[in-house]
Amino acid sequence: MSSMTASVFISLGGLTVCGLLVLRHAYRTAPLMTPTSDLPASPRHRPPTLNREKDYLGLCVCTRGAAERPATKRQMARLRQEELRQKPWEGRN
């Protein structure tokens, strides 16, 4: 056998081994498909409305009687004084 024929066989053998390694790598890293991938998507759920959330959380949104409380009156007076002290109409802050 001549050296030319041997080099051709070695080249073909190397290319075959390289191709097999590439295929093996492709099979190992391929994503797995779930058996339910061909099923239709589940229906979308509507988000709950704001009223349903308030009912669920038990929030009290009523503000009746809050202005008559002494603590609330004091706090509102403090806020007004602080606003006057900062003088927003002069553009200080």
C-alpha atoms as a PDB file:
ATOM      1  CA  MET A   1       0.000   0.000   0.000  1.00  0.00           C
ATOM      2  CA  SER A   2       1.322   3.375  -0.898  1.00  0.00           C
ATOM      3  CA  SER A   3       1.604   6.252   1.498  1.00  0.00           C
ATOM      4  CA  MET A   4      -1.018   8.194  -0.478  1.00  0.00           C
ATOM      5  CA  THR A   5      -3.652   5.502   0.032  1.00  0.00           C
ATOM      6  CA  ALA A   6      -2.826   5.251   3.743  1.00  0.00           C
ATOM      7  CA  SER A   7      -3.204   9.000   4.241  1.00  0.00           C
ATOM      8  CA  VAL A   8      -6.608   8.930   2.506  1.00  0.00           C
ATOM      9  CA  PHE A   9      -7.826   6.136   4.791  1.00  0.00           C
ATOM     10  CA  ILE A  10      -6.510   7.908   7.878  1.00  0.00           C
ATOM     11  CA  SER A  11      -8.209  11.159   6.796  1.00  0.00           C
ATOM     12  CA  LEU A  12     -11.551   9.424   6.171  1.00  0.00           C
ATOM     13  CA  GLY A  13     -11.310   7.598   9.505  1.00  0.00           C
ATOM     14  CA  GLY A  14     -10.576  10.866  11.322  1.00  0.00           C
ATOM     15  CA  LEU A  15     -13.505  12.619   9.660  1.00  0.00           C
ATOM     16  CA  THR A  16     -15.808   9.713  10.572  1.00  0.00           C
ATOM     17  CA  VAL A  17     -14.731   9.798  14.224  1.00  0.00           C
ATOM     18  CA  CYS A  18     -15.143  13.588  14.290  1.00  0.00           C
ATOM     19  CA  GLY A  19     -18.658  13.327  12.827  1.00  0.00           C
ATOM     20  CA  LEU A  20     -19.648  10.678  15.374  1.00  0.00           C
ATOM     21  CA  LEU A  21     -18.397  12.874  18.219  1.00  0.00           C
ATOM     22  CA  VAL A  22     -20.377  15.842  16.904  1.00  0.00           C
ATOM     23  CA  LEU A  23     -23.549  13.723  16.696  1.00  0.00           C
ATOM     24  CA  ARG A  24     -22.999  12.365  20.198  1.00  0.00           C
ATOM     25  CA  HIS A  25     -22.626  15.884  21.550  1.00  0.00           C
ATOM     26  CA  ALA A  26     -25.787  17.025  19.731  1.00  0.00           C
ATOM     27  CA  TYR A  27     -27.810  14.156  21.203  1.00  0.00           C
ATOM     28  CA  ARG A  28     -26.562  14.832  24.727  1.00  0.00           C
ATOM     29  CA  THR A  29     -27.257  18.565  24.694  1.00  0.00           C
ATOM     30  CA  ALA A  30     -30.596  18.472  22.843  1.00  0.00           C
ATOM     31  CA  PRO A  31     -33.515  19.823  24.914  1.00  0.00           C
ATOM     32  CA  LEU A  32     -35.929  17.195  26.100  1.00  0.00           C
ATOM     33  CA  MET A  33     -39.473  17.580  24.884  1.00  0.00           C
ATOM     34  CA  THR A  34     -42.238  17.029  27.398  1.00  0.00           C
ATOM     35  CA  PRO A  35     -44.847  14.441  26.441  1.00  0.00           C
ATOM     36  CA  THR A  36     -47.601  17.080  26.734  1.00  0.00           C
ATOM     37  CA  SER A  37     -46.000  19.545  24.341  1.00  0.00           C
ATOM     38  CA  ASP A  38     -48.569  18.802  21.647  1.00  0.00           C
ATOM     39  CA  LEU A  39     -51.546  19.617  23.913  1.00  0.00           C
ATOM     40  CA  PRO A  40     -53.280  23.004  23.596  1.00  0.00           C
ATOM     41  CA  ALA A  41     -52.352  25.746  26.035  1.00  0.00           C
ATOM     42  CA  SER A  42     -54.403  26.176  29.180  1.00  0.00           C
ATOM     43  CA  PRO A  43     -56.929  29.031  29.165  1.00  0.00           C
ATOM     44  CA  ARG A  44     -55.776  32.334  30.591  1.00  0.00           C
ATOM     45  CA  HIS A  45     -57.060  33.321  33.980  1.00  0.00           C
ATOM     46  CA  ARG A  46     -58.545  36.766  34.418  1.00  0.00           C
ATOM     47  CA  PRO A  47     -56.907  38.850  37.117  1.00  0.00           C
ATOM     48  CA  PRO A  48     -59.199  39.603  40.034  1.00  0.00           C
ATOM     49  CA  THR A  49     -60.914  42.946  40.002  1.00  0.00           C
ATOM     50  CA  LEU A  50     -60.099  45.632  42.544  1.00  0.00           C
ATOM     51  CA  ASN A  51     -63.402  45.119  44.354  1.00  0.00           C
ATOM     52  CA  ARG A  52     -62.734  41.396  44.737  1.00  0.00           C
ATOM     53  CA  GLU A  53     -59.275  42.148  46.119  1.00  0.00           C
ATOM     54  CA  LYS A  54     -60.659  44.615  48.655  1.00  0.00           C
ATOM     55  CA  ASP A  55     -63.267  42.075  49.748  1.00  0.00           C
ATOM     56  CA  TYR A  56     -60.634  39.385  50.023  1.00  0.00           C
ATOM     57  CA  LEU A  57     -58.194  41.490  52.030  1.00  0.00           C
ATOM     58  CA  GLY A  58     -60.899  42.962  54.214  1.00  0.00           C
ATOM     59  CA  LEU A  59     -59.823  46.559  53.684  1.00  0.00           C
ATOM     60  CA  CYS A  60     -61.879  49.336  55.142  1.00  0.00           C
ATOM     61  CA  VAL A  61     -61.835  52.264  52.757  1.00  0.00           C
ATOM     62  CA  CYS A  62     -64.284  54.392  54.685  1.00  0.00           C
ATOM     63  CA  THR A  63     -62.896  57.680  56.057  1.00  0.00           C
ATOM     64  CA  ARG A  64     -65.975  58.925  57.893  1.00  0.00           C
ATOM     65  CA  GLY A  65     -65.144  60.305  61.294  1.00  0.00           C
ATOM     66  CA  ALA A  66     -61.384  60.494  60.716  1.00  0.00           C
ATOM     67  CA  ALA A  67     -61.302  64.303  60.651  1.00  0.00           C
ATOM     68  CA  GLU A  68     -63.053  64.577  64.027  1.00  0.00           C
ATOM     69  CA  ARG A  69     -60.405  62.584  65.921  1.00  0.00           C
ATOM     70  CA  PRO A  70     -58.094  64.746  68.089  1.00  0.00           C
ATOM     71  CA  ALA A  71     -54.937  62.955  66.945  1.00  0.00           C
ATOM     72  CA  THR A  72     -55.863  63.538  63.307  1.00  0.00           C
ATOM     73  CA  LYS A  73     -56.533  67.212  63.950  1.00  0.00           C
ATOM     74  CA  ARG A  74     -53.143  67.637  65.634  1.00  0.00           C
ATOM     75  CA  GLN A  75     -51.382  65.853  62.781  1.00  0.00           C
ATOM     76  CA  MET A  76     -53.102  67.995  60.154  1.00  0.00           C
ATOM     77  CA  ALA A  77     -52.130  71.161  62.061  1.00  0.00           C
ATOM     78  CA  ARG A  78     -48.496  69.985  62.164  1.00  0.00           C
ATOM     79  CA  LEU A  79     -48.534  69.305  58.428  1.00  0.00           C
ATOM     80  CA  ARG A  80     -49.925  72.779  57.703  1.00  0.00           C
ATOM     81  CA  GLN A  81     -47.263  74.400  59.897  1.00  0.00           C
ATOM     82  CA  GLU A  82     -44.522  72.414  58.184  1.00  0.00           C
ATOM     83  CA  GLU A  83     -45.831  73.464  54.777  1.00  0.00           C
ATOM     84  CA  LEU A  84     -45.827  77.114  55.827  1.00  0.00           C
ATOM     85  CA  ARG A  85     -42.297  76.779  57.222  1.00  0.00           C
ATOM     86  CA  GLN A  86     -40.925  75.356  53.976  1.00  0.00           C
ATOM     87  CA  LYS A  87     -42.549  78.120  51.862  1.00  0.00           C
ATOM     88  CA  PRO A  88     -43.001  76.119  48.634  1.00  0.00           C
ATOM     89  CA  TRP A  89     -44.317  79.199  46.800  1.00  0.00           C
ATOM     90  CA  GLU A  90     -40.836  80.735  47.080  1.00  0.00           C
ATOM     91  CA  GLY A  91     -39.240  77.707  45.442  1.00  0.00           C
ATOM     92  CA  ARG A  92     -36.945  76.873  48.332  1.00  0.00           C
ATOM     93  CA  ASN A  93     -37.392  73.111  48.207  1.00  0.00           C
END
